[in-house]
Amino acid sequence: MKVINNRQIVEDSWQNIDDESNIEQLPSGKLIVSLSFWNNHKQTLSARDDALGIRLNPEDDVTDIAGDLASFELVVLQFPAFRDGRAYSQARNLRQHQNYQGEIRASGNVLRDQIAFMERVGFNSFEIDSHQDINDAINGFDEISIKYQASSDEPLPLYKRASA
């Protein structure tokens, strides 16, 4: 599967692990686990040499993993539906309040029209909805030419940038 990472289309090298997986038989390589799987197997997962990612649902509180963020190279935030924007708040919290510098991926119902807004709050990786063309989705980044408000991608509002 291909994803957009830092505005480039790349092959996804991460493997999703479901909650029923046997902790003793996990494959090697980069793994993405759920919050509950992480909480149940934290010691074993922390001892692995391979990269680890965590998948959060919209109802999960990112502050629950604040102390563990250094363990994760990737945080996957879910968009179960177009109108569910809780992952925007989660991404902003990770970037601005938890100072997370790793990859934050939008997954689920990720649409071209949302990509620029998602990037503004801290997402830098995107699993595009299977009904959309990933090559067209990349054009969504440039649809906002002037950014008035401060955000994760631009810490100063326009009026402060213009007066500097």
Protein backbone atom coordinates (compact mmCIF):
# COMPACT_ATOMS: atom_id res chain seq x y z
CA MET A 1 0.00 0.00 0.00
CA LYS A 2 1.16 3.52 -0.73
CA VAL A 3 0.89 6.45 1.67
CA ILE A 4 1.80 10.13 1.55
CA ASN A 5 4.67 10.92 3.88
CA ASN A 6 6.06 14.47 4.07
CA ARG A 7 4.29 15.32 0.80
CA GLN A 8 5.82 12.36 -1.06
CA ILE A 9 4.09 9.17 -2.19
CA VAL A 10 5.97 6.24 -0.67
CA GLU A 11 5.46 2.53 -0.07
CA ASP A 12 4.20 1.88 3.45
CA SER A 13 6.67 -0.24 5.42
CA TRP A 14 4.52 -0.54 8.57
CA GLN A 15 2.52 -3.65 9.55
CA ASN A 16 -0.74 -3.39 11.51
CA ILE A 17 -1.05 -5.86 14.36
CA ASP A 18 -4.54 -6.73 15.56
CA ASP A 19 -5.45 -7.11 19.21
CA GLU A 20 -5.80 -10.89 18.97
CA SER A 21 -2.18 -11.38 17.84
CA ASN A 22 0.07 -13.57 19.94
CA ILE A 23 2.75 -11.39 21.52
CA GLU A 24 5.26 -14.25 21.21
CA GLN A 25 4.73 -14.60 17.44
CA LEU A 26 4.90 -11.02 16.19
CA PRO A 27 6.63 -10.54 12.84
CA SER A 28 9.86 -8.61 12.59
CA GLY A 29 9.85 -5.12 11.15
CA LYS A 30 7.92 -1.95 11.89
CA LEU A 31 4.71 -2.68 13.79
CA ILE A 32 1.62 -0.61 14.58
CA VAL A 33 -0.33 -1.70 17.67
CA SER A 34 -3.49 -0.42 19.32
CA LEU A 35 -3.48 1.42 22.64
CA SER A 36 -4.97 -1.61 24.40
CA PHE A 37 -2.35 -3.97 22.89
CA TRP A 38 0.38 -1.55 24.01
CA ASN A 39 -1.05 -1.35 27.53
CA ASN A 40 -1.28 -5.16 27.77
CA HIS A 41 2.21 -5.88 26.38
CA LYS A 42 4.24 -2.74 27.07
CA GLN A 43 7.32 -4.51 28.47
CA THR A 44 7.63 -7.03 25.65
CA LEU A 45 7.03 -4.40 22.95
CA SER A 46 9.52 -1.98 24.53
CA ALA A 47 12.22 -4.66 24.39
CA ARG A 48 11.93 -5.04 20.59
CA ASP A 49 14.65 -3.59 18.38
CA ASP A 50 12.29 -2.76 15.51
CA ALA A 51 10.35 0.49 15.20
CA LEU A 52 7.00 0.69 16.92
CA GLY A 53 3.89 2.71 16.14
CA ILE A 54 0.65 3.13 18.04
CA ARG A 55 -2.88 3.41 16.67
CA LEU A 56 -5.30 5.62 18.59
CA ASN A 57 -9.06 5.74 18.17
CA PRO A 58 -10.85 9.10 18.27
CA GLU A 59 -12.06 8.49 21.82
CA ASP A 60 -8.52 7.78 23.13
CA ASP A 61 -6.86 10.50 25.18
CA VAL A 62 -3.35 11.24 23.88
CA THR A 63 -2.24 12.24 27.36
CA ASP A 64 -2.58 8.55 28.31
CA ILE A 65 0.56 7.84 26.25
CA ALA A 66 2.42 11.08 26.99
CA GLY A 67 5.01 9.28 29.10
CA ASP A 68 5.50 6.61 26.42
CA LEU A 69 5.76 8.82 23.31
CA ALA A 70 9.53 8.27 23.03
CA SER A 71 8.74 4.58 22.36
CA PHE A 72 6.84 5.37 19.16
CA GLU A 73 8.19 6.44 15.79
CA LEU A 74 4.63 6.67 14.47
CA VAL A 75 1.25 7.64 15.91
CA VAL A 76 -1.74 6.71 13.74
CA LEU A 77 -4.91 8.72 14.35
CA GLN A 78 -8.23 7.44 13.02
CA PHE A 79 -10.85 9.30 10.97
CA PRO A 80 -13.82 6.88 11.03
CA ALA A 81 -16.01 9.34 9.11
CA PHE A 82 -15.64 12.63 7.25
CA ARG A 83 -17.52 14.54 9.95
CA ASP A 84 -15.49 13.13 12.88
CA GLY A 85 -12.75 15.66 13.58
CA ARG A 86 -11.46 14.44 16.95
CA ALA A 87 -8.16 13.34 15.37
CA TYR A 88 -7.44 16.98 14.48
CA SER A 89 -7.41 17.79 18.21
CA GLN A 90 -5.33 14.71 18.98
CA ALA A 91 -2.70 15.70 16.40
CA ARG A 92 -2.53 19.27 17.64
CA ASN A 93 -2.19 18.05 21.22
CA LEU A 94 0.65 15.70 20.23
CA ARG A 95 2.57 18.43 18.41
CA GLN A 96 1.95 21.46 20.60
CA HIS A 97 1.42 20.10 24.10
CA GLN A 98 3.32 16.81 24.08
CA ASN A 99 6.10 18.06 21.74
CA TYR A 100 5.95 14.85 19.72
CA GLN A 101 8.36 15.09 16.78
CA GLY A 102 7.71 11.72 15.14
CA GLU A 103 5.40 10.79 12.31
CA ILE A 104 1.67 11.42 12.81
CA ARG A 105 -0.46 9.56 10.28
CA ALA A 106 -4.09 10.18 9.36
CA SER A 107 -5.92 6.93 8.63
CA GLY A 108 -9.46 6.00 7.68
CA ASN A 109 -11.74 8.41 5.86
CA VAL A 110 -8.90 10.72 4.74
CA LEU A 111 -9.97 12.92 1.85
CA ARG A 112 -8.02 15.17 -0.51
CA ASP A 113 -9.97 18.23 0.64
CA GLN A 114 -8.82 17.74 4.23
CA ILE A 115 -5.10 17.18 3.70
CA ALA A 116 -4.01 20.82 3.94
CA PHE A 117 -5.97 21.27 7.16
CA MET A 118 -4.59 18.04 8.60
CA GLU A 119 -1.05 19.16 7.83
CA ARG A 120 -1.70 22.47 9.62
CA VAL A 121 -2.43 20.70 12.92
CA GLY A 122 0.56 18.36 12.73
CA PHE A 123 -0.13 15.40 10.45
CA ASN A 124 2.77 14.54 8.14
CA SER A 125 1.63 11.14 6.89
CA PHE A 126 -1.65 10.15 5.21
CA GLU A 127 -3.42 6.93 4.25
CA ILE A 128 -5.72 8.16 1.52
CA ASP A 129 -9.24 6.73 1.37
CA SER A 130 -9.26 3.82 -1.11
CA HIS A 131 -11.94 5.54 -3.22
CA GLN A 132 -9.60 8.44 -3.96
CA ASP A 133 -6.58 8.77 -6.23
CA ILE A 134 -3.42 9.22 -4.16
CA ASN A 135 -1.75 11.08 -7.05
CA ASP A 136 -4.58 13.61 -7.07
CA ALA A 137 -4.63 13.83 -3.27
CA ILE A 138 -1.07 15.16 -3.23
CA ASN A 139 -2.41 18.32 -4.89
CA GLY A 140 -4.53 19.01 -1.82
CA PHE A 141 -1.53 20.40 0.07
CA ASP A 142 -1.34 23.50 -2.09
CA GLU A 143 -4.98 24.50 -1.94
CA ILE A 144 -4.40 26.94 0.93
CA SER A 145 -2.04 29.62 -0.35
CA ILE A 146 -2.26 32.07 2.56
CA LYS A 147 -2.38 30.86 6.14
CA TYR A 148 -3.82 33.52 8.46
CA GLN A 149 -3.86 31.62 11.75
CA ALA A 150 -0.95 30.25 13.75
CA SER A 151 -0.73 26.47 13.80
CA SER A 152 1.73 23.58 13.98
CA ASP A 153 3.12 24.32 10.53
CA GLU A 154 3.30 28.12 11.03
CA PRO A 155 3.74 29.34 14.62
CA LEU A 156 3.07 33.02 13.82
CA PRO A 157 -0.24 34.43 12.54
CA LEU A 158 -0.14 36.41 9.30
CA TYR A 159 -0.32 39.83 10.95
CA LYS A 160 2.85 39.07 12.97
CA ARG A 161 4.66 37.72 9.90
CA ALA A 162 3.69 40.78 7.86
CA SER A 163 4.98 43.22 10.47
CA ALA A 164 8.30 41.44 10.98
